[in-house]
Protein backbone atom coordinates (compact mmCIF):
# COMPACT_ATOMS: atom_id res chain seq x y z
CA PHE A 1 0.68 14.55 9.71
CA PHE A 2 0.56 18.94 9.26
CA ASP A 3 2.21 21.52 11.38
CA ASN A 4 0.84 24.32 11.63
CA GLU A 5 1.79 25.86 8.65
CA LYS A 6 -0.48 23.10 7.00
CA THR A 7 2.75 21.52 5.56
CA LEU A 8 3.51 17.90 5.55
CA ILE A 9 5.28 16.53 8.43
CA ASN A 10 7.85 14.31 5.93
CA TRP A 11 9.36 11.36 7.37
CA THR A 12 11.12 10.54 3.98
CA LYS A 13 14.35 12.22 4.44
CA ASP A 14 16.05 9.49 6.09
CA LEU A 15 15.24 6.70 2.88
CA GLU A 16 19.11 6.21 2.25
CA ASP A 17 18.86 2.63 3.23
CA PHE A 18 15.74 2.33 1.51
CA SER A 19 15.62 0.19 -1.60
CA ILE A 20 13.31 1.58 -3.45
CA LYS A 21 14.43 3.97 -5.04
CA THR A 22 12.27 4.65 -7.89
CA GLY A 23 9.39 2.18 -9.09
CA LYS A 24 6.52 0.87 -7.00
CA GLY A 25 6.12 0.27 -3.32
CA SER A 26 5.53 0.40 0.35
CA ARG A 27 7.37 1.37 3.30
CA THR A 28 6.18 1.45 6.88
CA LYS A 29 7.59 3.87 9.75
CA ASP A 30 6.51 4.28 13.39
CA GLY A 31 3.02 2.97 12.21
CA THR A 32 2.44 4.93 9.21
CA GLN A 33 2.64 3.23 5.76
CA TYR A 34 2.96 4.81 2.69
CA SER A 35 2.30 2.82 -0.57
CA GLY A 36 2.26 3.70 -4.28
CA ASP A 37 4.91 5.65 -6.48
CA TRP A 38 8.49 5.95 -5.51
CA GLU A 39 10.92 8.71 -7.41
CA ASN A 40 14.90 8.72 -5.91
CA GLY A 41 13.54 7.53 -2.55
CA LEU A 42 10.70 10.03 -2.52
CA TRP A 43 6.85 9.51 -2.70
CA HIS A 44 6.21 10.76 -6.19
CA GLY A 45 3.11 10.36 -8.22
CA GLN A 46 0.47 7.93 -7.10
CA GLY A 47 -0.35 6.69 -3.99
CA THR A 48 -1.73 6.09 -0.22
CA LEU A 49 -0.45 6.91 2.68
CA THR A 50 -1.81 5.36 5.92
CA THR A 51 -1.48 6.49 9.50
CA GLU A 52 -1.35 4.37 12.64
CA ASN A 53 -4.79 5.16 13.33
CA GLY A 54 -6.13 4.24 9.73
CA THR A 55 -6.50 7.64 8.39
CA ARG A 56 -5.85 7.58 4.50
CA PHE A 57 -4.36 10.17 2.53
CA THR A 58 -4.86 9.32 -1.62
CA GLY A 59 -4.09 11.29 -4.20
CA GLY A 60 -0.85 13.24 -5.62
CA PHE A 61 2.69 13.21 -4.46
CA LYS A 62 5.67 15.08 -5.63
CA GLU A 63 9.51 14.67 -4.39
CA GLY A 64 7.95 13.33 -0.63
CA ASN A 65 4.94 15.62 -0.32
CA PHE A 66 1.39 16.21 -0.88
CA HIS A 67 1.18 17.79 -4.25
CA GLY A 68 -2.17 17.91 -6.56
CA ASP A 69 -5.67 16.57 -5.06
CA VAL A 70 -5.38 14.36 -1.98
CA PHE A 71 -8.29 12.52 -0.33
CA LEU A 72 -8.51 12.50 3.44
CA ARG A 73 -10.82 9.89 4.70
CA TYR A 74 -10.92 8.74 8.56
CA ASP A 75 -10.80 5.17 9.54
CA GLY A 76 -14.53 3.98 9.63
CA GLU A 77 -15.89 6.45 7.82
CA GLU A 78 -17.77 6.19 4.63
CA THR A 79 -16.62 9.29 2.62
CA SER A 80 -13.46 11.67 2.00
CA THR A 81 -12.88 14.96 2.12
CA LYS A 82 -10.96 16.57 -0.69
CA PHE A 83 -7.71 18.96 -0.38
CA LYS A 84 -5.29 20.64 -2.94
CA PHE A 85 -1.61 20.66 -2.42
CA ILE A 86 1.07 22.34 -4.27
CA ASN A 87 4.46 20.68 -3.19
CA GLY A 88 3.13 20.04 0.75
CA GLU A 89 1.35 23.69 1.13
CA ARG A 90 -2.81 23.21 1.36
CA ILE A 91 -4.14 26.03 -0.96
CA GLU A 92 -7.79 24.91 -0.15
């Protein structure tokens, strides 16, 4: 889910037909699911992004990108790793 620039590969750009514009909800696309807060059709607030292989990113989102503290947990693992983001860019 990260390109070489450490940014989230964002699939929220094609959500014009998605019924949840603002509020809480879930959306699955190509085996990846986002559940959490939405604003104007984008991930915004607290949520969880779960990939097809079970990897989970839980934490803050802003305008469709990771923002703030985000915890990465691989499927089957007990522990998670904390990352910090600003507008989709990983800073630590």
